Amino acid sequence: LPVPVQKYIRYTGFIGKPVVRNFRVVFEGKIRKNEQSPWMPLTS
C-alpha cells in the first residue's frame, strides 16, 4: 500500500485486529435536497 494509506490504517487502530468482513454504522445529522431546501434532521 502507499505510505500515506499505511500510516492511516495504523493511526485508526486496525493493525492486530480482525480483518473487516462487514460493519454496522449509526449516524445522526441533517440532509437537504439542495441549497434552496431547508435542512432535515436525520438518524440513519
All heavy atoms as atom14 arrays in JSON, in Angstrom:
{
  "sequence": "LPVPVQKYIRYTGFIGKPVVRNFRVVFEGKIRKNEQSPWMPLTS",
  "atom14_mask": [
    [1, 1, 1, 1, 1, 1, 1, 1, 0, 0, 0, 0, 0, 0],
    [1, 1, 1, 1, 1, 1, 1, 0, 0, 0, 0, 0, 0, 0],
    [1, 1, 1, 1, 1, 1, 1, 0, 0, 0, 0, 0, 0, 0],
    [1, 1, 1, 1, 1, 1, 1, 0, 0, 0, 0, 0, 0, 0],
    [1, 1, 1, 1, 1, 1, 1, 0, 0, 0, 0, 0, 0, 0],
    [1, 1, 1, 1, 1, 1, 1, 1, 1, 0, 0, 0, 0, 0],
    [1, 1, 1, 1, 1, 1, 1, 1, 1, 0, 0, 0, 0, 0],
    [1, 1, 1, 1, 1, 1, 1, 1, 1, 1, 1, 1, 0, 0],
    [1, 1, 1, 1, 1, 1, 1, 1, 0, 0, 0, 0, 0, 0],
    [1, 1, 1, 1, 1, 1, 1, 1, 1, 1, 1, 0, 0, 0],
    [1, 1, 1, 1, 1, 1, 1, 1, 1, 1, 1, 1, 0, 0],
    [1, 1, 1, 1, 1, 1, 1, 0, 0, 0, 0, 0, 0, 0],
    [1, 1, 1, 1, 0, 0, 0, 0, 0, 0, 0, 0, 0, 0],
    [1, 1, 1, 1, 1, 1, 1, 1, 1, 1, 1, 0, 0, 0],
    [1, 1, 1, 1, 1, 1, 1, 1, 0, 0, 0, 0, 0, 0],
    [1, 1, 1, 1, 0, 0, 0, 0, 0, 0, 0, 0, 0, 0],
    [1, 1, 1, 1, 1, 1, 1, 1, 1, 0, 0, 0, 0, 0],
    [1, 1, 1, 1, 1, 1, 1, 0, 0, 0, 0, 0, 0, 0],
    [1, 1, 1, 1, 1, 1, 1, 0, 0, 0, 0, 0, 0, 0],
    [1, 1, 1, 1, 1, 1, 1, 0, 0, 0, 0, 0, 0, 0],
    [1, 1, 1, 1, 1, 1, 1, 1, 1, 1, 1, 0, 0, 0],
    [1, 1, 1, 1, 1, 1, 1, 1, 0, 0, 0, 0, 0, 0],
    [1, 1, 1, 1, 1, 1, 1, 1, 1, 1, 1, 0, 0, 0],
    [1, 1, 1, 1, 1, 1, 1, 1, 1, 1, 1, 0, 0, 0],
    [1, 1, 1, 1, 1, 1, 1, 0, 0, 0, 0, 0, 0, 0],
    [1, 1, 1, 1, 1, 1, 1, 0, 0, 0, 0, 0, 0, 0],
    [1, 1, 1, 1, 1, 1, 1, 1, 1, 1, 1, 0, 0, 0],
    [1, 1, 1, 1, 1, 1, 1, 1, 1, 0, 0, 0, 0, 0],
    [1, 1, 1, 1, 0, 0, 0, 0, 0, 0, 0, 0, 0, 0],
    [1, 1, 1, 1, 1, 1, 1, 1, 1, 0, 0, 0, 0, 0],
    [1, 1, 1, 1, 1, 1, 1, 1, 0, 0, 0, 0, 0, 0],
    [1, 1, 1, 1, 1, 1, 1, 1, 1, 1, 1, 0, 0, 0],
    [1, 1, 1, 1, 1, 1, 1, 1, 1, 0, 0, 0, 0, 0],
    [1, 1, 1, 1, 1, 1, 1, 1, 0, 0, 0, 0, 0, 0],
    [1, 1, 1, 1, 1, 1, 1, 1, 1, 0, 0, 0, 0, 0],
    [1, 1, 1, 1, 1, 1, 1, 1, 1, 0, 0, 0, 0, 0],
    [1, 1, 1, 1, 1, 1, 0, 0, 0, 0, 0, 0, 0, 0],
    [1, 1, 1, 1, 1, 1, 1, 0, 0, 0, 0, 0, 0, 0],
    [1, 1, 1, 1, 1, 1, 1, 1, 1, 1, 1, 1, 1, 1],
    [1, 1, 1, 1, 1, 1, 1, 1, 0, 0, 0, 0, 0, 0],
    [1, 1, 1, 1, 1, 1, 1, 0, 0, 0, 0, 0, 0, 0],
    [1, 1, 1, 1, 1, 1, 1, 1, 0, 0, 0, 0, 0, 0],
    [1, 1, 1, 1, 1, 1, 1, 0, 0, 0, 0, 0, 0, 0],
    [1, 1, 1, 1, 1, 1, 0, 0, 0, 0, 0, 0, 0, 0]
  ],
  "atom14_positions": [
    [[0.83, -1.2, 0.0], [0.0, 0.0, 0.0], [0.87, 1.26, 0.0], [1.99, 1.25, 0.5], [-0.9, 0.02, 1.24], [-1.84, -1.18, 1.46], [-2.69, -0.94, 2.7], [-2.7, -1.43, 0.25], [0.0, 0.0, 0.0], [0.0, 0.0, 0.0], [0.0, 0.0, 0.0], [0.0, 0.0, 0.0], [0.0, 0.0, 0.0], [0.0, 0.0, 0.0]],
    [[0.37, 2.38, -0.55], [1.11, 3.65, -0.47], [1.35, 4.03, 0.99], [0.54, 3.74, 1.87], [0.16, 4.64, -1.15], [-0.7, 3.8, -2.04], [-0.88, 2.5, -1.31], [0.0, 0.0, 0.0], [0.0, 0.0, 0.0], [0.0, 0.0, 0.0], [0.0, 0.0, 0.0], [0.0, 0.0, 0.0], [0.0, 0.0, 0.0], [0.0, 0.0, 0.0]],
    [[2.44, 4.71, 1.24], [2.83, 5.07, 2.6], [1.74, 5.84, 3.34], [1.46, 5.55, 4.51], [4.16, 5.86, 2.58], [4.48, 6.41, 3.97], [5.29, 4.98, 2.1], [0.0, 0.0, 0.0], [0.0, 0.0, 0.0], [0.0, 0.0, 0.0], [0.0, 0.0, 0.0], [0.0, 0.0, 0.0], [0.0, 0.0, 0.0], [0.0, 0.0, 0.0]],
    [[1.09, 6.86, 2.72], [0.03, 7.58, 3.47], [-1.12, 6.66, 3.9], [-1.72, 6.86, 4.96], [-0.45, 8.63, 2.47], [0.67, 8.81, 1.52], [1.3, 7.46, 1.39], [0.0, 0.0, 0.0], [0.0, 0.0, 0.0], [0.0, 0.0, 0.0], [0.0, 0.0, 0.0], [0.0, 0.0, 0.0], [0.0, 0.0, 0.0], [0.0, 0.0, 0.0]],
    [[-1.42, 5.65, 3.07], [-2.5, 4.72, 3.4], [-2.08, 3.81, 4.55], [-2.86, 3.54, 5.47], [-2.91, 3.9, 2.16], [-4.01, 2.9, 2.52], [-3.37, 4.8, 1.03], [0.0, 0.0, 0.0], [0.0, 0.0, 0.0], [0.0, 0.0, 0.0], [0.0, 0.0, 0.0], [0.0, 0.0, 0.0], [0.0, 0.0, 0.0], [0.0, 0.0, 0.0]],
    [[-0.82, 3.36, 4.52], [-0.3, 2.55, 5.63], [-0.39, 3.32, 6.95], [-0.84, 2.79, 7.97], [1.16, 2.17, 5.37], [1.38, 1.22, 4.21], [2.83, 0.81, 4.08], [3.56, 0.77, 5.07], [3.26, 0.5, 2.87], [0.0, 0.0, 0.0], [0.0, 0.0, 0.0], [0.0, 0.0, 0.0], [0.0, 0.0, 0.0], [0.0, 0.0, 0.0]],
    [[0.05, 4.57, 6.91], [0.03, 5.41, 8.1], [-1.39, 5.61, 8.61], [-1.64, 5.59, 9.83], [0.68, 6.76, 7.79], [0.9, 7.65, 9.0], [1.66, 8.92, 8.61], [1.91, 9.81, 9.83], [2.65, 11.05, 9.45], [0.0, 0.0, 0.0], [0.0, 0.0, 0.0], [0.0, 0.0, 0.0], [0.0, 0.0, 0.0], [0.0, 0.0, 0.0]],
    [[-2.34, 5.77, 7.7], [-3.75, 5.96, 8.05], [-4.31, 4.72, 8.75], [-5.02, 4.82, 9.76], [-4.53, 6.26, 6.76], [-6.02, 6.39, 6.9], [-6.61, 7.18, 7.88], [-6.87, 5.74, 5.99], [-7.99, 7.31, 7.97], [-8.24, 5.87, 6.07], [-8.8, 6.65, 7.06], [-10.16, 6.78, 7.13], [0.0, 0.0, 0.0], [0.0, 0.0, 0.0]],
    [[-3.99, 3.54, 8.23], [-4.5, 2.3, 8.82], [-3.94, 2.12, 10.23], [-4.66, 1.72, 11.15], [-4.17, 1.1, 7.92], [-4.94, 1.21, 6.59], [-4.52, -0.22, 8.62], [-4.57, 0.17, 5.57], [0.0, 0.0, 0.0], [0.0, 0.0, 0.0], [0.0, 0.0, 0.0], [0.0, 0.0, 0.0], [0.0, 0.0, 0.0], [0.0, 0.0, 0.0]],
    [[-2.64, 2.43, 10.41], [-2.05, 2.33, 11.75], [-2.7, 3.35, 12.69], [-3.01, 3.03, 13.85], [-0.54, 2.58, 11.67], [0.23, 1.53, 10.88], [1.73, 1.75, 11.01], [2.46, 0.94, 10.03], [2.98, 1.43, 8.9], [2.86, 2.74, 8.62], [3.62, 0.64, 8.07], [0.0, 0.0, 0.0], [0.0, 0.0, 0.0], [0.0, 0.0, 0.0]],
    [[-2.87, 4.56, 12.21], [-3.42, 5.64, 13.03], [-4.83, 5.31, 13.53], [-5.18, 5.62, 14.67], [-3.45, 6.93, 12.21], [-4.03, 8.13, 12.92], [-3.27, 8.86, 13.83], [-5.35, 8.53, 12.69], [-3.8, 9.97, 14.48], [-5.88, 9.63, 13.34], [-5.11, 10.34, 14.24], [-5.64, 11.43, 14.89], [0.0, 0.0, 0.0], [0.0, 0.0, 0.0]],
    [[-5.63, 4.68, 12.68], [-7.02, 4.39, 13.06], [-7.14, 3.15, 13.93], [-8.22, 2.89, 14.49], [-7.89, 4.23, 11.8], [-7.25, 3.32, 10.88], [-8.08, 5.58, 11.11], [0.0, 0.0, 0.0], [0.0, 0.0, 0.0], [0.0, 0.0, 0.0], [0.0, 0.0, 0.0], [0.0, 0.0, 0.0], [0.0, 0.0, 0.0], [0.0, 0.0, 0.0]],
    [[-6.05, 2.35, 14.06], [-6.05, 1.27, 15.03], [-6.52, -0.08, 14.53], [-7.02, -0.89, 15.32], [0.0, 0.0, 0.0], [0.0, 0.0, 0.0], [0.0, 0.0, 0.0], [0.0, 0.0, 0.0], [0.0, 0.0, 0.0], [0.0, 0.0, 0.0], [0.0, 0.0, 0.0], [0.0, 0.0, 0.0], [0.0, 0.0, 0.0], [0.0, 0.0, 0.0]],
    [[-6.33, -0.38, 13.24], [-6.8, -1.65, 12.7], [-5.75, -2.76, 12.73], [-6.09, -3.93, 12.55], [-7.31, -1.46, 11.26], [-8.68, -0.85, 11.2], [-8.85, 0.52, 11.3], [-9.82, -1.64, 11.07], [-10.11, 1.09, 11.26], [-11.08, -1.09, 11.04], [-11.24, 0.3, 11.12], [0.0, 0.0, 0.0], [0.0, 0.0, 0.0], [0.0, 0.0, 0.0]],
    [[-4.48, -2.4, 12.92], [-3.44, -3.42, 12.99], [-3.64, -4.28, 14.23], [-3.87, -3.79, 15.34], [-2.03, -2.77, 13.01], [-1.79, -2.0, 11.72], [-0.96, -3.84, 13.21], [-1.76, -2.85, 10.48], [0.0, 0.0, 0.0], [0.0, 0.0, 0.0], [0.0, 0.0, 0.0], [0.0, 0.0, 0.0], [0.0, 0.0, 0.0], [0.0, 0.0, 0.0]],
    [[-3.53, -5.6, 14.03], [-3.69, -6.53, 15.14], [-5.12, -6.86, 15.47], [-5.39, -7.58, 16.44], [0.0, 0.0, 0.0], [0.0, 0.0, 0.0], [0.0, 0.0, 0.0], [0.0, 0.0, 0.0], [0.0, 0.0, 0.0], [0.0, 0.0, 0.0], [0.0, 0.0, 0.0], [0.0, 0.0, 0.0], [0.0, 0.0, 0.0], [0.0, 0.0, 0.0]],
    [[-6.05, -6.37, 14.66], [-7.48, -6.65, 14.87], [-8.04, -7.42, 13.68], [-7.45, -7.42, 12.59], [-8.25, -5.34, 15.1], [-7.82, -4.64, 16.39], [-8.54, -3.33, 16.59], [-8.07, -2.65, 17.88], [-8.68, -1.31, 18.06], [0.0, 0.0, 0.0], [0.0, 0.0, 0.0], [0.0, 0.0, 0.0], [0.0, 0.0, 0.0], [0.0, 0.0, 0.0]],
    [[-9.2, -8.09, 13.84], [-9.73, -8.92, 12.77], [-9.97, -8.15, 11.46], [-10.39, -6.98, 11.49], [-11.06, -9.43, 13.34], [-10.85, -9.39, 14.82], [-10.0, -8.19, 15.08], [0.0, 0.0, 0.0], [0.0, 0.0, 0.0], [0.0, 0.0, 0.0], [0.0, 0.0, 0.0], [0.0, 0.0, 0.0], [0.0, 0.0, 0.0], [0.0, 0.0, 0.0]],
    [[-9.67, -8.81, 10.35], [-9.95, -8.25, 9.04], [-11.45, -8.0, 8.91], [-12.27, -8.83, 9.33], [-9.47, -9.21, 7.93], [-9.93, -8.73, 6.55], [-7.95, -9.35, 7.97], [0.0, 0.0, 0.0], [0.0, 0.0, 0.0], [0.0, 0.0, 0.0], [0.0, 0.0, 0.0], [0.0, 0.0, 0.0], [0.0, 0.0, 0.0], [0.0, 0.0, 0.0]],
    [[-11.83, -6.86, 8.35], [-13.24, -6.46, 8.28], [-13.99, -7.28, 7.22], [-13.62, -7.27, 6.04], [-13.36, -4.96, 7.97], [-14.84, -4.57, 7.83], [-12.69, -4.14, 9.05], [0.0, 0.0, 0.0], [0.0, 0.0, 0.0], [0.0, 0.0, 0.0], [0.0, 0.0, 0.0], [0.0, 0.0, 0.0], [0.0, 0.0, 0.0], [0.0, 0.0, 0.0]],
    [[-15.03, -7.98, 7.65], [-15.92, -8.69, 6.73], [-17.2, -7.89, 6.5], [-17.77, -7.91, 5.42], [-16.3, -10.07, 7.29], [-15.16, -11.0, 7.55], [-15.67, -12.41, 7.84], [-16.84, -12.4, 8.74], [-16.77, -12.42, 10.06], [-15.58, -12.43, 10.67], [-17.86, -12.43, 10.8], [0.0, 0.0, 0.0], [0.0, 0.0, 0.0], [0.0, 0.0, 0.0]],
    [[-17.67, -7.23, 7.54], [-18.87, -6.4, 7.44], [-18.8, -5.35, 8.53], [-17.97, -5.42, 9.44], [-20.16, -7.24, 7.55], [-20.34, -7.85, 8.92], [-20.32, -7.16, 9.95], [-20.53, -9.16, 8.99], [0.0, 0.0, 0.0], [0.0, 0.0, 0.0], [0.0, 0.0, 0.0], [0.0, 0.0, 0.0], [0.0, 0.0, 0.0], [0.0, 0.0, 0.0]],
    [[-19.67, -4.35, 8.45], [-19.76, -3.39, 9.54], [-21.13, -2.73, 9.56], [-21.81, -2.61, 8.54], [-18.65, -2.33, 9.51], [-18.52, -1.56, 8.22], [-19.15, -0.34, 8.05], [-17.73, -2.06, 7.19], [-19.0, 0.38, 6.87], [-17.57, -1.34, 6.01], [-18.2, -0.11, 5.85], [0.0, 0.0, 0.0], [0.0, 0.0, 0.0], [0.0, 0.0, 0.0]],
    [[-21.53, -2.35, 10.77], [-22.79, -1.65, 11.0], [-22.47, -0.26, 11.54], [-21.64, -0.12, 12.44], [-23.66, -2.41, 12.0], [-24.92, -1.67, 12.45], [-25.69, -2.47, 13.5], [-26.84, -1.74, 14.0], [-26.81, -0.96, 15.09], [-25.69, -0.79, 15.76], [-27.91, -0.34, 15.48], [0.0, 0.0, 0.0], [0.0, 0.0, 0.0], [0.0, 0.0, 0.0]],
    [[-23.12, 0.76, 11.01], [-22.82, 2.15, 11.37], [-24.11, 2.88, 11.71], [-25.15, 2.68, 11.06], [-22.11, 2.87, 10.21], [-21.75, 4.29, 10.61], [-20.87, 2.12, 9.78], [0.0, 0.0, 0.0], [0.0, 0.0, 0.0], [0.0, 0.0, 0.0], [0.0, 0.0, 0.0], [0.0, 0.0, 0.0], [0.0, 0.0, 0.0], [0.0, 0.0, 0.0]],
    [[-24.05, 3.74, 12.73], [-25.18, 4.59, 13.1], [-24.74, 6.05, 13.03], [-23.68, 6.41, 13.56], [-25.69, 4.26, 14.52], [-26.8, 5.23, 14.92], [-26.18, 2.82, 14.59], [0.0, 0.0, 0.0], [0.0, 0.0, 0.0], [0.0, 0.0, 0.0], [0.0, 0.0, 0.0], [0.0, 0.0, 0.0], [0.0, 0.0, 0.0], [0.0, 0.0, 0.0]],
    [[-25.53, 6.87, 12.34], [-25.24, 8.3, 12.2], [-26.4, 9.13, 12.74], [-27.55, 8.7, 12.77], [-25.09, 8.68, 10.72], [-23.82, 8.23, 10.07], [-23.84, 7.2, 9.15], [-22.61, 8.85, 10.35], [-22.68, 6.78, 8.52], [-21.45, 8.45, 9.73], [-21.47, 7.42, 8.81], [0.0, 0.0, 0.0], [0.0, 0.0, 0.0], [0.0, 0.0, 0.0]],
    [[-26.07, 10.36, 13.13], [-27.04, 11.43, 13.3], [-26.57, 12.59, 12.44], [-25.38, 12.71, 12.14], [-27.15, 11.87, 14.76], [-27.78, 10.84, 15.67], [-27.87, 11.32, 17.1], [-27.36, 12.43, 17.39], [-28.43, 10.6, 17.94], [0.0, 0.0, 0.0], [0.0, 0.0, 0.0], [0.0, 0.0, 0.0], [0.0, 0.0, 0.0], [0.0, 0.0, 0.0]],
    [[-27.5, 13.43, 12.01], [-27.08, 14.56, 11.19], [-28.24, 15.29, 10.57], [-29.34, 15.35, 11.14], [0.0, 0.0, 0.0], [0.0, 0.0, 0.0], [0.0, 0.0, 0.0], [0.0, 0.0, 0.0], [0.0, 0.0, 0.0], [0.0, 0.0, 0.0], [0.0, 0.0, 0.0], [0.0, 0.0, 0.0], [0.0, 0.0, 0.0], [0.0, 0.0, 0.0]],
    [[-28.0, 15.83, 9.39], [-29.04, 16.55, 8.67], [-28.77, 16.45, 7.18], [-27.63, 16.25, 6.75], [-29.1, 18.01, 9.12], [-27.8, 18.79, 8.97], [-27.93, 20.21, 9.51], [-26.62, 20.99, 9.36], [-26.75, 22.39, 9.87], [0.0, 0.0, 0.0], [0.0, 0.0, 0.0], [0.0, 0.0, 0.0], [0.0, 0.0, 0.0], [0.0, 0.0, 0.0]],
    [[-29.84, 16.59, 6.39], [-29.74, 16.43, 4.96], [-30.73, 17.37, 4.27], [-31.73, 17.77, 4.87], [-30.02, 14.95, 4.56], [-29.55, 14.65, 3.14], [-31.49, 14.6, 4.77], [-29.55, 13.16, 2.83], [0.0, 0.0, 0.0], [0.0, 0.0, 0.0], [0.0, 0.0, 0.0], [0.0, 0.0, 0.0], [0.0, 0.0, 0.0], [0.0, 0.0, 0.0]],
    [[-30.43, 17.7, 3.02], [-31.34, 18.54, 2.25], [-31.19, 18.21, 0.78], [-30.19, 17.63, 0.35], [-31.06, 20.03, 2.49], [-29.66, 20.47, 2.08], [-29.42, 21.93, 2.39], [-28.05, 22.35, 2.09], [-27.59, 23.58, 2.26], [-28.39, 24.53, 2.73], [-26.34, 23.87, 1.97], [0.0, 0.0, 0.0], [0.0, 0.0, 0.0], [0.0, 0.0, 0.0]],
    [[-32.19, 18.59, -0.01], [-32.18, 18.3, -1.44], [-31.19, 19.17, -2.17], [-30.44, 18.72, -3.04], [-33.59, 18.48, -2.02], [-33.7, 18.1, -3.49], [-35.13, 18.25, -3.96], [-35.27, 17.86, -5.43], [-36.66, 18.02, -5.92], [0.0, 0.0, 0.0], [0.0, 0.0, 0.0], [0.0, 0.0, 0.0], [0.0, 0.0, 0.0], [0.0, 0.0, 0.0]],
    [[-31.18, 20.48, -1.86], [-30.26, 21.42, -2.49], [-30.12, 22.65, -1.58], [-30.7, 22.69, -0.48], [-30.74, 21.83, -3.88], [-32.19, 22.3, -3.89], [-32.62, 23.07, -3.03], [-32.98, 21.81, -4.84], [0.0, 0.0, 0.0], [0.0, 0.0, 0.0], [0.0, 0.0, 0.0], [0.0, 0.0, 0.0], [0.0, 0.0, 0.0], [0.0, 0.0, 0.0]],
    [[-29.38, 23.64, -2.05], [-29.11, 24.82, -1.23], [-30.36, 25.63, -0.92], [-30.42, 26.38, 0.05], [-28.08, 25.71, -1.93], [-26.73, 25.05, -2.13], [-25.66, 25.65, -1.26], [-25.79, 26.83, -0.88], [-24.69, 24.95, -0.95], [0.0, 0.0, 0.0], [0.0, 0.0, 0.0], [0.0, 0.0, 0.0], [0.0, 0.0, 0.0], [0.0, 0.0, 0.0]],
    [[-31.39, 25.5, -1.75], [-32.63, 26.25, -1.55], [-33.58, 25.53, -0.59], [-34.57, 26.11, -0.14], [-33.35, 26.48, -2.89], [-32.64, 27.45, -3.83], [-31.38, 26.87, -4.44], [-31.39, 25.72, -4.88], [-30.31, 27.65, -4.48], [0.0, 0.0, 0.0], [0.0, 0.0, 0.0], [0.0, 0.0, 0.0], [0.0, 0.0, 0.0], [0.0, 0.0, 0.0]],
    [[-33.29, 24.26, -0.28], [-34.18, 23.47, 0.56], [-33.77, 23.57, 2.03], [-32.58, 23.72, 2.33], [-34.15, 22.0, 0.12], [-34.51, 21.88, -1.24], [0.0, 0.0, 0.0], [0.0, 0.0, 0.0], [0.0, 0.0, 0.0], [0.0, 0.0, 0.0], [0.0, 0.0, 0.0], [0.0, 0.0, 0.0], [0.0, 0.0, 0.0], [0.0, 0.0, 0.0]],
    [[-34.72, 23.48, 2.95], [-34.37, 23.51, 4.37], [-33.69, 22.21, 4.8], [-33.92, 21.15, 4.2], [-35.74, 23.68, 5.06], [-36.71, 23.07, 4.09], [-36.17, 23.38, 2.73], [0.0, 0.0, 0.0], [0.0, 0.0, 0.0], [0.0, 0.0, 0.0], [0.0, 0.0, 0.0], [0.0, 0.0, 0.0], [0.0, 0.0, 0.0], [0.0, 0.0, 0.0]],
    [[-32.87, 22.29, 5.83], [-32.24, 21.1, 6.36], [-33.26, 20.23, 7.07], [-34.17, 20.71, 7.74], [-31.14, 21.49, 7.35], [-29.89, 22.03, 6.72], [-29.51, 23.34, 6.67], [-28.87, 21.28, 6.07], [-28.31, 23.45, 6.02], [-27.89, 22.21, 5.64], [-28.68, 19.93, 5.8], [-26.73, 21.82, 4.97], [-27.53, 19.54, 5.12], [-26.58, 20.47, 4.72]],
    [[-33.1, 18.91, 6.93], [-33.96, 17.95, 7.61], [-33.1, 17.14, 8.59], [-32.13, 16.49, 8.16], [-34.62, 17.0, 6.61], [-35.53, 17.66, 5.61], [-36.39, 16.42, 4.55], [-34.99, 15.73, 3.65], [0.0, 0.0, 0.0], [0.0, 0.0, 0.0], [0.0, 0.0, 0.0], [0.0, 0.0, 0.0], [0.0, 0.0, 0.0], [0.0, 0.0, 0.0]],
    [[-33.4, 17.17, 9.9], [-32.65, 16.32, 10.83], [-32.87, 14.85, 10.53], [-33.95, 14.45, 10.09], [-33.23, 16.72, 12.19], [-34.58, 17.28, 11.89], [-34.47, 17.93, 10.55], [0.0, 0.0, 0.0], [0.0, 0.0, 0.0], [0.0, 0.0, 0.0], [0.0, 0.0, 0.0], [0.0, 0.0, 0.0], [0.0, 0.0, 0.0], [0.0, 0.0, 0.0]],
    [[-31.84, 14.04, 10.76], [-31.97, 12.61, 10.43], [-31.2, 11.75, 11.41], [-30.27, 12.19, 12.07], [-31.47, 12.34, 9.01], [-29.98, 12.45, 8.69], [-29.19, 11.2, 9.1], [-29.75, 12.7, 7.22], [0.0, 0.0, 0.0], [0.0, 0.0, 0.0], [0.0, 0.0, 0.0], [0.0, 0.0, 0.0], [0.0, 0.0, 0.0], [0.0, 0.0, 0.0]],
    [[-31.6, 10.51, 11.47], [-30.83, 9.43, 12.06], [-30.76, 8.33, 11.01], [-31.7, 8.17, 10.22], [-31.48, 8.88, 13.34], [-32.8, 8.39, 13.03], [-31.57, 9.95, 14.41], [0.0, 0.0, 0.0], [0.0, 0.0, 0.0], [0.0, 0.0, 0.0], [0.0, 0.0, 0.0], [0.0, 0.0, 0.0], [0.0, 0.0, 0.0], [0.0, 0.0, 0.0]],
    [[-29.66, 7.6, 10.97], [-29.54, 6.56, 9.96], [-28.77, 5.37, 10.49], [-28.0, 5.48, 11.46], [-28.83, 7.11, 8.71], [-27.47, 7.37, 8.98], [0.0, 0.0, 0.0], [0.0, 0.0, 0.0], [0.0, 0.0, 0.0], [0.0, 0.0, 0.0], [0.0, 0.0, 0.0], [0.0, 0.0, 0.0], [0.0, 0.0, 0.0], [0.0, 0.0, 0.0]]
  ]
}
